[in-house]
Amino acid sequence: MPADERVTRSSFSDWLQPILVPTAIGVLPDRIWSDKEWERIQLGYWSRDMDEKWAVVAEGEVVFLHRSWTGYGVFEATFAPVEGGGWRIASAVVETGRGGLHGNVADYDCLMLELVISTIVLGEPADELRLKLPELTRGASRERMLRRESCNTVSPASVQGRRSRPDRSAGSKDAGLPQSGSAERASCAGGQGSRPAPVTARPARLGLPGGAASSGG
């Protein structure tokens, strides 16, 4: 597809799938994109080969970033005009279900969002961003490992407490209400997916073009 031809959701037929568990990214890129860059971002992106693992579609002021080989939604970024010219990301969400790649680690998700837009859509080298990737990737992996360990650890008191409480959840499922213990399960599984695989900083794994500054991890 020519670079100046707009990519739409219909370009992918029914391949693109929405984010299942959207979680707000607490840290957003502070970059201001020029009006010309915003025009290019709005055209979207269709990966040309298996090394470019992202598909990007813009609808209005919202940019949707999907994994190209599964169609799964990963990021949704809402842009807003800046007084004096240019555009910036006003809000964004990341997929934290499906045992996702990212896992709701704000600094890492912020970096990846900006990296995909900069390198995949705009074709920039983004060397400064790439230099930050290995350290943030290791930090994200540690954070996700600690969460899994926390979710896998159940205190004896908690177990005894659940055993001693009478089961009053009969009919709760039919009424659409949470059943016993569901809040505890949701805190570990609902927002993070089941046992997400550790992320790595290798550009090929993340679907980023290779570069001298991108090695590591």
N, C-alpha and C. Protein backbone atom coordinates (compact mmCIF):
# COMPACT_ATOMS: atom_id res chain seq x y z
N MET A 1 0.84 -1.19 0.00
CA MET A 1 0.00 0.00 0.00
C MET A 1 0.88 1.24 0.00
N PRO A 2 0.62 2.23 -0.88
CA PRO A 2 1.43 3.45 -0.93
C PRO A 2 1.43 4.17 0.41
N ALA A 3 2.57 4.82 0.73
CA ALA A 3 2.71 5.48 2.03
C ALA A 3 1.73 6.62 2.21
N ASP A 4 1.28 7.24 1.09
CA ASP A 4 0.39 8.38 1.21
C ASP A 4 -1.09 7.99 1.12
N GLU A 5 -1.38 6.69 1.11
CA GLU A 5 -2.76 6.22 1.07
C GLU A 5 -3.24 5.90 2.47
N ARG A 6 -4.41 6.39 2.83
CA ARG A 6 -4.92 6.24 4.19
C ARG A 6 -5.30 4.79 4.47
N VAL A 7 -4.85 4.27 5.60
CA VAL A 7 -5.22 2.94 6.06
C VAL A 7 -6.46 3.06 6.94
N THR A 8 -7.48 2.27 6.64
CA THR A 8 -8.70 2.28 7.44
C THR A 8 -8.93 0.91 8.04
N ARG A 9 -9.88 0.84 8.96
CA ARG A 9 -10.18 -0.44 9.59
C ARG A 9 -10.65 -1.46 8.55
N SER A 10 -11.38 -0.97 7.54
CA SER A 10 -11.86 -1.88 6.50
C SER A 10 -10.72 -2.45 5.66
N SER A 11 -9.56 -1.79 5.70
CA SER A 11 -8.40 -2.31 4.96
C SER A 11 -7.99 -3.68 5.47
N PHE A 12 -8.34 -3.98 6.72
CA PHE A 12 -7.93 -5.24 7.35
C PHE A 12 -9.10 -6.22 7.45
N SER A 13 -10.21 -5.92 6.78
CA SER A 13 -11.41 -6.75 6.87
C SER A 13 -11.83 -6.84 8.34
N ASP A 14 -11.94 -8.06 8.87
CA ASP A 14 -12.33 -8.24 10.27
C ASP A 14 -11.15 -8.63 11.15
N TRP A 15 -9.93 -8.36 10.68
CA TRP A 15 -8.75 -8.84 11.37
C TRP A 15 -8.50 -8.11 12.68
N LEU A 16 -8.71 -6.79 12.71
CA LEU A 16 -8.39 -6.01 13.90
C LEU A 16 -9.42 -6.26 14.99
N GLN A 17 -8.92 -6.48 16.21
CA GLN A 17 -9.79 -6.77 17.34
C GLN A 17 -9.59 -5.71 18.42
N PRO A 18 -10.66 -5.32 19.10
CA PRO A 18 -10.55 -4.26 20.11
C PRO A 18 -9.81 -4.73 21.35
N ILE A 19 -9.36 -3.77 22.13
CA ILE A 19 -8.75 -4.06 23.42
C ILE A 19 -9.82 -4.65 24.34
N LEU A 20 -9.48 -5.74 25.01
CA LEU A 20 -10.44 -6.39 25.91
C LEU A 20 -10.43 -5.78 27.31
N VAL A 21 -9.24 -5.50 27.82
CA VAL A 21 -9.12 -4.94 29.17
C VAL A 21 -8.33 -3.63 29.08
N PRO A 22 -9.01 -2.52 28.74
CA PRO A 22 -8.29 -1.25 28.61
C PRO A 22 -7.94 -0.67 29.97
N THR A 23 -6.69 -0.28 30.12
CA THR A 23 -6.21 0.34 31.36
C THR A 23 -5.50 1.65 31.02
N ALA A 24 -5.90 2.71 31.69
CA ALA A 24 -5.30 4.02 31.40
C ALA A 24 -3.81 4.01 31.69
N ILE A 25 -3.05 4.61 30.80
CA ILE A 25 -1.61 4.76 30.99
C ILE A 25 -1.39 6.01 31.84
N GLY A 26 -0.77 5.83 32.99
CA GLY A 26 -0.62 6.94 33.93
C GLY A 26 0.42 7.96 33.52
N VAL A 27 1.36 7.57 32.67
CA VAL A 27 2.41 8.47 32.20
C VAL A 27 2.31 8.56 30.68
N LEU A 28 2.18 9.76 30.16
CA LEU A 28 2.00 9.94 28.72
C LEU A 28 3.23 10.61 28.10
N PRO A 29 3.50 10.34 26.82
CA PRO A 29 4.60 11.03 26.14
C PRO A 29 4.38 12.54 26.19
N ASP A 30 5.45 13.29 26.44
CA ASP A 30 5.31 14.75 26.48
C ASP A 30 5.64 15.40 25.14
N ARG A 31 5.90 14.57 24.14
CA ARG A 31 6.23 15.10 22.81
C ARG A 31 5.04 15.83 22.20
N ILE A 32 5.35 16.91 21.50
CA ILE A 32 4.36 17.62 20.69
C ILE A 32 4.66 17.32 19.23
N TRP A 33 3.73 16.66 18.56
CA TRP A 33 3.89 16.35 17.15
C TRP A 33 3.44 17.53 16.31
N SER A 34 4.17 17.83 15.27
CA SER A 34 3.81 18.94 14.40
C SER A 34 2.53 18.60 13.63
N ASP A 35 1.92 19.63 13.03
CA ASP A 35 0.72 19.40 12.24
C ASP A 35 1.02 18.45 11.07
N LYS A 36 2.21 18.59 10.48
CA LYS A 36 2.57 17.71 9.38
C LYS A 36 2.73 16.28 9.86
N GLU A 37 3.34 16.08 11.02
CA GLU A 37 3.49 14.74 11.58
C GLU A 37 2.13 14.14 11.91
N TRP A 38 1.23 14.95 12.44
CA TRP A 38 -0.11 14.48 12.77
C TRP A 38 -0.85 14.04 11.51
N GLU A 39 -0.66 14.77 10.42
CA GLU A 39 -1.28 14.37 9.15
C GLU A 39 -0.77 12.99 8.73
N ARG A 40 0.52 12.75 8.91
CA ARG A 40 1.07 11.44 8.55
C ARG A 40 0.55 10.35 9.49
N ILE A 41 0.46 10.65 10.78
CA ILE A 41 -0.05 9.67 11.74
C ILE A 41 -1.48 9.28 11.39
N GLN A 42 -2.27 10.25 10.93
CA GLN A 42 -3.66 9.97 10.58
C GLN A 42 -3.80 9.03 9.39
N LEU A 43 -2.77 8.92 8.59
CA LEU A 43 -2.82 7.99 7.46
C LEU A 43 -2.75 6.54 7.93
N GLY A 44 -2.24 6.32 9.15
CA GLY A 44 -2.12 4.97 9.67
C GLY A 44 -0.93 4.24 9.07
N TYR A 45 -0.90 2.94 9.33
CA TYR A 45 0.24 2.15 8.83
C TYR A 45 -0.16 0.69 8.67
N TRP A 46 0.26 0.11 7.57
CA TRP A 46 0.05 -1.30 7.27
C TRP A 46 1.43 -1.94 7.14
N SER A 47 1.75 -2.87 8.03
CA SER A 47 3.08 -3.47 8.02
C SER A 47 3.36 -4.13 6.68
N ARG A 48 4.58 -3.93 6.20
CA ARG A 48 4.96 -4.44 4.88
C ARG A 48 5.50 -5.85 4.93
N ASP A 49 6.00 -6.29 6.09
CA ASP A 49 6.52 -7.65 6.19
C ASP A 49 6.40 -8.11 7.64
N MET A 50 6.84 -9.34 7.92
CA MET A 50 6.69 -9.92 9.24
C MET A 50 7.55 -9.25 10.30
N ASP A 51 8.58 -8.51 9.88
CA ASP A 51 9.43 -7.82 10.85
C ASP A 51 8.75 -6.59 11.44
N GLU A 52 7.80 -6.05 10.72
CA GLU A 52 7.07 -4.87 11.20
C GLU A 52 5.74 -5.36 11.77
N LYS A 53 5.68 -5.49 13.06
CA LYS A 53 4.59 -6.23 13.69
C LYS A 53 3.47 -5.35 14.22
N TRP A 54 3.29 -4.18 13.60
CA TRP A 54 2.26 -3.26 14.06
C TRP A 54 1.37 -2.80 12.91
N ALA A 55 0.10 -2.67 13.21
CA ALA A 55 -0.86 -2.07 12.30
C ALA A 55 -1.48 -0.88 13.02
N VAL A 56 -1.57 0.25 12.33
CA VAL A 56 -2.03 1.49 12.97
C VAL A 56 -3.16 2.08 12.16
N VAL A 57 -4.24 2.43 12.86
CA VAL A 57 -5.41 3.04 12.22
C VAL A 57 -5.82 4.25 13.04
N ALA A 58 -6.11 5.36 12.36
CA ALA A 58 -6.58 6.57 13.03
C ALA A 58 -8.03 6.82 12.66
N GLU A 59 -8.84 7.07 13.67
CA GLU A 59 -10.24 7.40 13.45
C GLU A 59 -10.54 8.66 14.24
N GLY A 60 -10.74 9.76 13.52
CA GLY A 60 -10.88 11.04 14.20
C GLY A 60 -9.58 11.40 14.89
N GLU A 61 -9.64 11.63 16.18
CA GLU A 61 -8.44 12.00 16.94
C GLU A 61 -7.91 10.84 17.76
N VAL A 62 -8.42 9.64 17.52
CA VAL A 62 -7.97 8.45 18.25
C VAL A 62 -7.15 7.57 17.32
N VAL A 63 -5.97 7.17 17.79
CA VAL A 63 -5.08 6.31 17.02
C VAL A 63 -5.06 4.93 17.68
N PHE A 64 -5.35 3.90 16.89
CA PHE A 64 -5.43 2.53 17.38
C PHE A 64 -4.19 1.78 16.90
N LEU A 65 -3.48 1.15 17.82
CA LEU A 65 -2.28 0.39 17.48
C LEU A 65 -2.51 -1.08 17.79
N HIS A 66 -2.39 -1.91 16.76
CA HIS A 66 -2.67 -3.34 16.87
C HIS A 66 -1.42 -4.14 16.51
N ARG A 67 -1.34 -5.34 17.06
CA ARG A 67 -0.33 -6.29 16.61
C ARG A 67 -0.79 -6.85 15.27
N SER A 68 0.08 -6.79 14.27
CA SER A 68 -0.35 -7.09 12.92
C SER A 68 -0.61 -8.58 12.69
N TRP A 69 0.10 -9.46 13.41
CA TRP A 69 -0.08 -10.89 13.11
C TRP A 69 -1.24 -11.51 13.87
N THR A 70 -1.74 -10.86 14.92
CA THR A 70 -2.92 -11.36 15.64
C THR A 70 -4.12 -10.45 15.46
N GLY A 71 -3.87 -9.17 15.16
CA GLY A 71 -4.95 -8.20 15.08
C GLY A 71 -5.36 -7.65 16.43
N TYR A 72 -4.73 -8.14 17.52
CA TYR A 72 -5.11 -7.70 18.86
C TYR A 72 -4.77 -6.22 19.07
N GLY A 73 -5.71 -5.49 19.65
CA GLY A 73 -5.44 -4.11 20.02
C GLY A 73 -4.50 -4.05 21.20
N VAL A 74 -3.54 -3.12 21.16
CA VAL A 74 -2.58 -2.96 22.26
C VAL A 74 -2.69 -1.56 22.87
N PHE A 75 -2.70 -0.54 22.04
CA PHE A 75 -2.80 0.84 22.51
C PHE A 75 -3.94 1.56 21.81
N GLU A 76 -4.55 2.51 22.52
CA GLU A 76 -5.44 3.49 21.92
C GLU A 76 -5.03 4.85 22.48
N ALA A 77 -4.64 5.76 21.60
CA ALA A 77 -4.15 7.07 22.03
C ALA A 77 -5.04 8.16 21.46
N THR A 78 -5.52 9.02 22.33
CA THR A 78 -6.36 10.15 21.91
C THR A 78 -5.50 11.40 21.84
N PHE A 79 -5.43 12.00 20.66
CA PHE A 79 -4.63 13.20 20.46
C PHE A 79 -5.51 14.44 20.63
N ALA A 80 -4.87 15.53 20.98
CA ALA A 80 -5.57 16.81 21.13
C ALA A 80 -4.67 17.93 20.61
N PRO A 81 -5.27 18.95 19.99
CA PRO A 81 -4.45 20.06 19.49
C PRO A 81 -3.84 20.86 20.64
N VAL A 82 -2.67 21.41 20.38
CA VAL A 82 -1.96 22.21 21.37
C VAL A 82 -2.06 23.67 20.97
N GLU A 83 -2.30 24.52 21.94
CA GLU A 83 -2.37 25.95 21.65
C GLU A 83 -1.03 26.43 21.09
N GLY A 84 -1.09 27.07 19.97
CA GLY A 84 0.13 27.52 19.32
C GLY A 84 0.57 26.61 18.20
N GLY A 85 -0.12 25.44 18.06
CA GLY A 85 0.20 24.53 16.97
C GLY A 85 0.74 23.21 17.44
N GLY A 86 0.44 22.17 16.70
CA GLY A 86 0.91 20.84 17.03
C GLY A 86 -0.14 20.02 17.77
N TRP A 87 0.22 18.76 18.02
CA TRP A 87 -0.68 17.81 18.66
C TRP A 87 0.08 17.01 19.71
N ARG A 88 -0.63 16.63 20.77
CA ARG A 88 -0.03 15.79 21.79
C ARG A 88 -1.04 14.74 22.23
N ILE A 89 -0.55 13.68 22.86
CA ILE A 89 -1.43 12.63 23.36
C ILE A 89 -2.05 13.11 24.67
N ALA A 90 -3.39 13.23 24.65
CA ALA A 90 -4.10 13.72 25.83
C ALA A 90 -4.47 12.58 26.78
N SER A 91 -4.68 11.40 26.23
CA SER A 91 -5.01 10.23 27.05
C SER A 91 -4.70 8.98 26.24
N ALA A 92 -4.50 7.88 26.93
CA ALA A 92 -4.19 6.63 26.24
C ALA A 92 -4.51 5.45 27.15
N VAL A 93 -4.85 4.33 26.53
CA VAL A 93 -5.06 3.09 27.27
C VAL A 93 -4.21 2.00 26.65
N VAL A 94 -3.92 0.98 27.45
CA VAL A 94 -3.14 -0.17 27.00
C VAL A 94 -3.90 -1.45 27.35
N GLU A 95 -3.74 -2.47 26.52
CA GLU A 95 -4.35 -3.77 26.81
C GLU A 95 -3.62 -4.44 27.97
N THR A 96 -4.36 -4.80 29.01
CA THR A 96 -3.75 -5.54 30.12
C THR A 96 -4.38 -6.90 30.29
N GLY A 97 -5.18 -7.33 29.32
CA GLY A 97 -5.70 -8.68 29.30
C GLY A 97 -4.93 -9.52 28.30
N ARG A 98 -5.43 -10.69 28.01
CA ARG A 98 -4.84 -11.60 27.03
C ARG A 98 -3.40 -11.99 27.37
N GLY A 99 -2.99 -11.87 28.63
CA GLY A 99 -1.59 -12.15 28.97
C GLY A 99 -0.69 -11.28 28.14
N GLY A 100 -1.05 -9.98 28.03
CA GLY A 100 -0.47 -9.08 27.04
C GLY A 100 1.02 -8.84 27.16
N LEU A 101 1.53 -8.19 26.13
CA LEU A 101 2.96 -7.89 26.06
C LEU A 101 3.37 -6.86 27.08
N HIS A 102 2.44 -6.02 27.50
CA HIS A 102 2.84 -4.83 28.22
C HIS A 102 2.67 -4.92 29.73
N GLY A 103 1.49 -5.18 30.23
CA GLY A 103 1.36 -5.48 31.65
C GLY A 103 1.22 -4.28 32.55
N ASN A 104 0.77 -3.13 32.02
CA ASN A 104 0.41 -2.00 32.86
C ASN A 104 1.57 -1.50 33.72
N VAL A 105 2.71 -1.29 33.12
CA VAL A 105 3.84 -0.63 33.78
C VAL A 105 4.00 0.71 33.07
N ALA A 106 3.62 1.79 33.74
CA ALA A 106 3.36 3.07 33.08
C ALA A 106 4.52 3.59 32.24
N ASP A 107 5.73 3.64 32.80
CA ASP A 107 6.86 4.20 32.07
C ASP A 107 7.18 3.39 30.81
N TYR A 108 7.08 2.06 30.95
CA TYR A 108 7.35 1.19 29.80
C TYR A 108 6.29 1.37 28.72
N ASP A 109 5.03 1.38 29.12
CA ASP A 109 3.95 1.55 28.14
C ASP A 109 4.02 2.90 27.45
N CYS A 110 4.37 3.92 28.21
CA CYS A 110 4.53 5.26 27.64
C CYS A 110 5.62 5.26 26.57
N LEU A 111 6.74 4.65 26.89
CA LEU A 111 7.86 4.60 25.94
C LEU A 111 7.47 3.81 24.69
N MET A 112 6.85 2.64 24.88
CA MET A 112 6.49 1.82 23.73
C MET A 112 5.49 2.51 22.83
N LEU A 113 4.53 3.20 23.41
CA LEU A 113 3.55 3.94 22.61
C LEU A 113 4.24 4.97 21.72
N GLU A 114 5.13 5.75 22.31
CA GLU A 114 5.84 6.76 21.52
C GLU A 114 6.78 6.13 20.51
N LEU A 115 7.43 5.03 20.89
CA LEU A 115 8.35 4.35 19.97
C LEU A 115 7.64 3.82 18.73
N VAL A 116 6.49 3.20 18.91
CA VAL A 116 5.78 2.64 17.76
C VAL A 116 5.34 3.75 16.81
N ILE A 117 4.81 4.83 17.37
CA ILE A 117 4.38 5.93 16.51
C ILE A 117 5.58 6.55 15.80
N SER A 118 6.68 6.72 16.53
CA SER A 118 7.85 7.40 15.97
C SER A 118 8.56 6.55 14.93
N THR A 119 8.80 5.27 15.26
CA THR A 119 9.60 4.42 14.36
C THR A 119 8.77 3.76 13.27
N ILE A 120 7.62 3.24 13.63
CA ILE A 120 6.81 2.51 12.66
C ILE A 120 6.05 3.46 11.74
N VAL A 121 5.34 4.41 12.32
CA VAL A 121 4.49 5.29 11.50
C VAL A 121 5.29 6.40 10.83
N LEU A 122 6.15 7.07 11.60
CA LEU A 122 6.88 8.22 11.05
C LEU A 122 8.24 7.84 10.47
N GLY A 123 8.71 6.63 10.74
CA GLY A 123 9.98 6.18 10.18
C GLY A 123 11.20 6.87 10.75
N GLU A 124 11.10 7.34 11.99
CA GLU A 124 12.22 8.02 12.63
C GLU A 124 13.17 7.01 13.28
N PRO A 125 14.45 7.34 13.43
CA PRO A 125 15.38 6.44 14.14
C PRO A 125 15.09 6.36 15.63
N ALA A 126 14.63 7.47 16.23
CA ALA A 126 14.26 7.50 17.65
C ALA A 126 15.34 6.92 18.55
N ASP A 127 16.60 7.28 18.28
CA ASP A 127 17.71 6.71 19.04
C ASP A 127 17.62 7.00 20.54
N GLU A 128 17.19 8.20 20.89
CA GLU A 128 17.11 8.57 22.31
C GLU A 128 16.10 7.69 23.05
N LEU A 129 14.97 7.41 22.39
CA LEU A 129 13.97 6.54 23.00
C LEU A 129 14.49 5.12 23.11
N ARG A 130 15.18 4.66 22.08
CA ARG A 130 15.71 3.29 22.07
C ARG A 130 16.71 3.06 23.19
N LEU A 131 17.48 4.09 23.53
CA LEU A 131 18.46 3.94 24.60
C LEU A 131 17.80 3.67 25.95
N LYS A 132 16.57 4.14 26.10
CA LYS A 132 15.86 3.94 27.36
C LYS A 132 15.18 2.57 27.42
N LEU A 133 15.04 1.91 26.28
CA LEU A 133 14.23 0.70 26.20
C LEU A 133 14.75 -0.46 27.05
N PRO A 134 16.05 -0.81 26.99
CA PRO A 134 16.50 -1.98 27.77
C PRO A 134 16.24 -1.85 29.27
N GLU A 135 16.55 -0.70 29.84
CA GLU A 135 16.36 -0.52 31.29
C GLU A 135 14.89 -0.60 31.67
N LEU A 136 14.02 0.09 30.90
CA LEU A 136 12.60 0.05 31.21
C LEU A 136 12.01 -1.33 30.98
N THR A 137 12.53 -2.07 30.01
CA THR A 137 12.05 -3.43 29.77
C THR A 137 12.38 -4.33 30.95
N ARG A 138 13.62 -4.21 31.45
CA ARG A 138 13.99 -5.02 32.62
C ARG A 138 13.13 -4.65 33.82
N GLY A 139 12.87 -3.36 34.00
CA GLY A 139 12.03 -2.92 35.11
C GLY A 139 10.61 -3.45 34.99
N ALA A 140 10.08 -3.44 33.75
CA ALA A 140 8.72 -3.96 33.53
C ALA A 140 8.66 -5.45 33.82
N SER A 141 9.68 -6.18 33.42
CA SER A 141 9.71 -7.63 33.67
C SER A 141 9.76 -7.92 35.16
N ARG A 142 10.57 -7.14 35.90
CA ARG A 142 10.64 -7.34 37.35
C ARG A 142 9.29 -7.04 37.99
N GLU A 143 8.64 -5.96 37.56
CA GLU A 143 7.36 -5.57 38.13
C GLU A 143 6.31 -6.65 37.90
N ARG A 144 6.28 -7.21 36.71
CA ARG A 144 5.30 -8.23 36.40
C ARG A 144 5.59 -9.51 37.16
N MET A 145 6.86 -9.82 37.36
CA MET A 145 7.23 -11.01 38.12
C MET A 145 6.78 -10.87 39.58
N LEU A 146 6.98 -9.68 40.15
CA LEU A 146 6.56 -9.45 41.53
C LEU A 146 5.05 -9.57 41.66
N ARG A 147 4.32 -9.08 40.64
CA ARG A 147 2.86 -9.19 40.69
C ARG A 147 2.42 -10.64 40.64
N ARG A 148 3.05 -11.44 39.79
CA ARG A 148 2.69 -12.84 39.71
C ARG A 148 2.97 -13.55 41.02
N GLU A 149 4.14 -13.23 41.64
CA GLU A 149 4.47 -13.86 42.92
C GLU A 149 3.46 -13.46 43.98
N SER A 150 3.05 -12.18 43.97
CA SER A 150 2.06 -11.71 44.93
C SER A 150 0.73 -12.41 44.74
N CYS A 151 0.34 -12.60 43.48
CA CYS A 151 -0.93 -13.26 43.19
C CYS A 151 -0.89 -14.73 43.55
N ASN A 152 0.28 -15.34 43.46
CA ASN A 152 0.40 -16.77 43.76
C ASN A 152 0.56 -17.04 45.24
N THR A 153 0.74 -15.98 46.05
CA THR A 153 0.91 -16.14 47.49
C THR A 153 -0.39 -15.85 48.20
N VAL A 154 -0.93 -16.83 48.90
CA VAL A 154 -2.17 -16.66 49.65
C VAL A 154 -1.88 -16.92 51.12
N SER A 155 -2.21 -15.97 51.97
CA SER A 155 -1.90 -16.12 53.40
C SER A 155 -2.83 -17.15 54.04
N PRO A 156 -2.32 -17.91 55.05
CA PRO A 156 -3.16 -18.88 55.76
C PRO A 156 -4.40 -18.24 56.36
N ALA A 157 -4.25 -17.02 56.88
CA ALA A 157 -5.40 -16.34 57.49
C ALA A 157 -6.48 -16.08 56.47
N SER A 158 -6.05 -15.71 55.27
CA SER A 158 -7.03 -15.46 54.22
C SER A 158 -7.78 -16.72 53.85
N VAL A 159 -7.03 -17.85 53.74
CA VAL A 159 -7.66 -19.11 53.42
C VAL A 159 -8.63 -19.52 54.51
N GLN A 160 -8.20 -19.40 55.80
CA GLN A 160 -9.05 -19.79 56.92
C GLN A 160 -10.30 -18.92 56.97
N GLY A 161 -10.11 -17.62 56.67
CA GLY A 161 -11.25 -16.71 56.70
C GLY A 161 -12.30 -17.09 55.68
N ARG A 162 -11.84 -17.48 54.49
CA ARG A 162 -12.79 -17.87 53.45
C ARG A 162 -13.50 -19.17 53.82
N ARG A 163 -12.75 -20.09 54.49
CA ARG A 163 -13.37 -21.36 54.87
C ARG A 163 -14.42 -21.18 55.95
N SER A 164 -14.20 -20.20 56.84
CA SER A 164 -15.10 -20.04 57.98
C SER A 164 -16.35 -19.27 57.63
N ARG A 165 -16.32 -18.53 56.51
CA ARG A 165 -17.50 -17.75 56.14
C ARG A 165 -18.53 -18.65 55.47
N PRO A 166 -19.81 -18.48 55.82
CA PRO A 166 -20.85 -19.26 55.15
C PRO A 166 -20.94 -18.83 53.70
N ASP A 167 -21.28 -19.76 52.84
CA ASP A 167 -21.40 -19.46 51.41
C ASP A 167 -22.75 -18.83 51.14
N ARG A 168 -22.74 -17.52 50.93
CA ARG A 168 -23.96 -16.79 50.67
C ARG A 168 -24.05 -16.38 49.20
N SER A 169 -23.23 -17.01 48.36
CA SER A 169 -23.17 -16.57 46.97
C SER A 169 -24.10 -17.34 46.05
N ALA A 170 -24.95 -18.22 46.62
CA ALA A 170 -25.85 -18.98 45.77
C ALA A 170 -26.75 -18.04 45.00
N GLY A 171 -26.80 -18.21 43.72
CA GLY A 171 -27.62 -17.34 42.89
C GLY A 171 -26.93 -16.09 42.44
N SER A 172 -25.74 -15.79 43.00
CA SER A 172 -25.03 -14.57 42.63
C SER A 172 -24.66 -14.57 41.17
N LYS A 173 -24.22 -15.73 40.68
CA LYS A 173 -23.81 -15.81 39.29
C LYS A 173 -24.96 -15.48 38.37
N ASP A 174 -26.15 -16.04 38.69
CA ASP A 174 -27.31 -15.79 37.86
C ASP A 174 -27.73 -14.33 37.91
N ALA A 175 -27.47 -13.67 39.06
CA ALA A 175 -27.87 -12.27 39.22
C ALA A 175 -26.84 -11.31 38.66
N GLY A 176 -25.72 -11.85 38.15
CA GLY A 176 -24.67 -11.00 37.62
C GLY A 176 -23.82 -10.36 38.68
N LEU A 177 -23.83 -10.93 39.91
CA LEU A 177 -23.05 -10.39 41.02
C LEU A 177 -21.79 -11.20 41.20
N PRO A 178 -20.71 -10.58 41.75
CA PRO A 178 -19.48 -11.33 41.99
C PRO A 178 -19.71 -12.40 43.03
N GLN A 179 -19.07 -13.56 42.84
CA GLN A 179 -19.16 -14.64 43.80
C GLN A 179 -18.00 -14.56 44.78
N SER A 180 -18.02 -15.42 45.78
CA SER A 180 -17.01 -15.39 46.82
C SER A 180 -15.62 -15.48 46.22
N GLY A 181 -14.73 -14.57 46.66
CA GLY A 181 -13.35 -14.62 46.23
C GLY A 181 -13.09 -14.01 44.88
N SER A 182 -14.14 -13.54 44.19
CA SER A 182 -13.93 -13.05 42.83
C SER A 182 -13.12 -11.77 42.81
N ALA A 183 -13.25 -10.93 43.85
CA ALA A 183 -12.48 -9.69 43.87
C ALA A 183 -11.00 -9.98 43.99
N GLU A 184 -10.66 -10.99 44.81
CA GLU A 184 -9.25 -11.35 44.95
C GLU A 184 -8.70 -11.89 43.64
N ARG A 185 -9.49 -12.72 42.94
CA ARG A 185 -9.03 -13.27 41.67
C ARG A 185 -8.88 -12.16 40.63
N ALA A 186 -9.83 -11.21 40.64
CA ALA A 186 -9.78 -10.15 39.63
C ALA A 186 -8.56 -9.27 39.80
N SER A 187 -8.15 -9.04 41.07
CA SER A 187 -7.01 -8.16 41.29
C SER A 187 -5.74 -8.73 40.70
N CYS A 188 -5.68 -10.06 40.57
CA CYS A 188 -4.49 -10.69 40.01
C CYS A 188 -4.65 -11.01 38.54
N ALA A 189 -5.83 -11.48 38.16
CA ALA A 189 -5.99 -12.00 36.80
C ALA A 189 -6.71 -11.05 35.88
N GLY A 190 -7.73 -10.34 36.39
CA GLY A 190 -8.58 -9.56 35.50
C GLY A 190 -7.85 -8.48 34.77
N GLY A 191 -6.97 -7.76 35.45
CA GLY A 191 -6.30 -6.64 34.82
C GLY A 191 -4.99 -7.00 34.17
N GLN A 192 -4.44 -8.16 34.49
CA GLN A 192 -3.11 -8.46 34.01
C GLN A 192 -3.06 -9.62 33.03
N GLY A 193 -4.17 -10.34 32.87
CA GLY A 193 -4.11 -11.52 32.01
C GLY A 193 -3.47 -12.66 32.78
N SER A 194 -3.48 -13.86 32.21
CA SER A 194 -2.94 -15.01 32.92
C SER A 194 -1.50 -15.25 32.53
N ARG A 195 -0.63 -15.12 33.52
CA ARG A 195 0.78 -15.41 33.36
C ARG A 195 1.37 -14.85 32.06
N PRO A 196 1.45 -13.52 31.98
CA PRO A 196 2.03 -12.94 30.76
C PRO A 196 3.49 -13.31 30.63
N ALA A 197 3.93 -13.50 29.38
CA ALA A 197 5.33 -13.84 29.14
C ALA A 197 6.21 -12.63 29.38
N PRO A 198 7.40 -12.81 29.95
CA PRO A 198 8.30 -11.68 30.16
C PRO A 198 8.61 -10.97 28.86
N VAL A 199 8.64 -9.64 28.90
CA VAL A 199 8.97 -8.89 27.70
C VAL A 199 10.48 -8.82 27.55
N THR A 200 10.94 -8.64 26.33
CA THR A 200 12.36 -8.46 26.09
C THR A 200 12.55 -7.18 25.31
N ALA A 201 13.77 -6.69 25.27
CA ALA A 201 14.05 -5.42 24.61
C ALA A 201 14.48 -5.61 23.16
N ARG A 202 14.47 -6.84 22.66
CA ARG A 202 14.91 -7.05 21.30
C ARG A 202 13.93 -6.40 20.32
N PRO A 203 14.41 -5.56 19.40
CA PRO A 203 13.51 -4.89 18.46
C PRO A 203 12.65 -5.86 17.68
N ALA A 204 13.19 -7.02 17.28
CA ALA A 204 12.39 -7.97 16.50
C ALA A 204 11.21 -8.47 17.31
N ARG A 205 11.42 -8.70 18.62
CA ARG A 205 10.34 -9.18 19.47
C ARG A 205 9.26 -8.13 19.63
N LEU A 206 9.67 -6.86 19.71
CA LEU A 206 8.71 -5.78 19.92
C LEU A 206 8.16 -5.24 18.62
N GLY A 207 8.66 -5.73 17.49
CA GLY A 207 8.14 -5.27 16.21
C GLY A 207 8.65 -3.91 15.81
N LEU A 208 9.83 -3.53 16.29
CA LEU A 208 10.43 -2.25 15.95
C LEU A 208 11.54 -2.45 14.95
N PRO A 209 11.72 -1.51 14.05
CA PRO A 209 12.87 -1.62 13.12
C PRO A 209 14.16 -1.64 13.91
N GLY A 210 15.15 -2.40 13.45
CA GLY A 210 16.43 -2.48 14.13
C GLY A 210 17.20 -1.19 14.00
N GLY A 211 18.14 -1.00 14.92
CA GLY A 211 18.95 0.21 14.91
C GLY A 211 20.12 0.05 15.83
N ALA A 212 21.13 0.88 15.63
CA ALA A 212 22.35 0.74 16.43
C ALA A 212 22.10 0.94 17.89
N ALA A 213 21.12 1.78 18.22
CA ALA A 213 20.87 2.08 19.62
C ALA A 213 19.84 1.17 20.24
N SER A 214 19.37 0.18 19.51
CA SER A 214 18.26 -0.63 20.00
C SER A 214 18.68 -1.95 20.58
N SER A 215 19.94 -2.26 20.59
CA SER A 215 20.36 -3.55 21.10
C SER A 215 20.31 -3.58 22.61
N GLY A 216 20.25 -4.79 23.13
CA GLY A 216 20.23 -4.95 24.58
C GLY A 216 19.01 -5.69 25.02
N GLY A 217 19.08 -6.30 26.22
CA GLY A 217 17.94 -7.00 26.79
C GLY A 217 17.84 -8.40 26.26
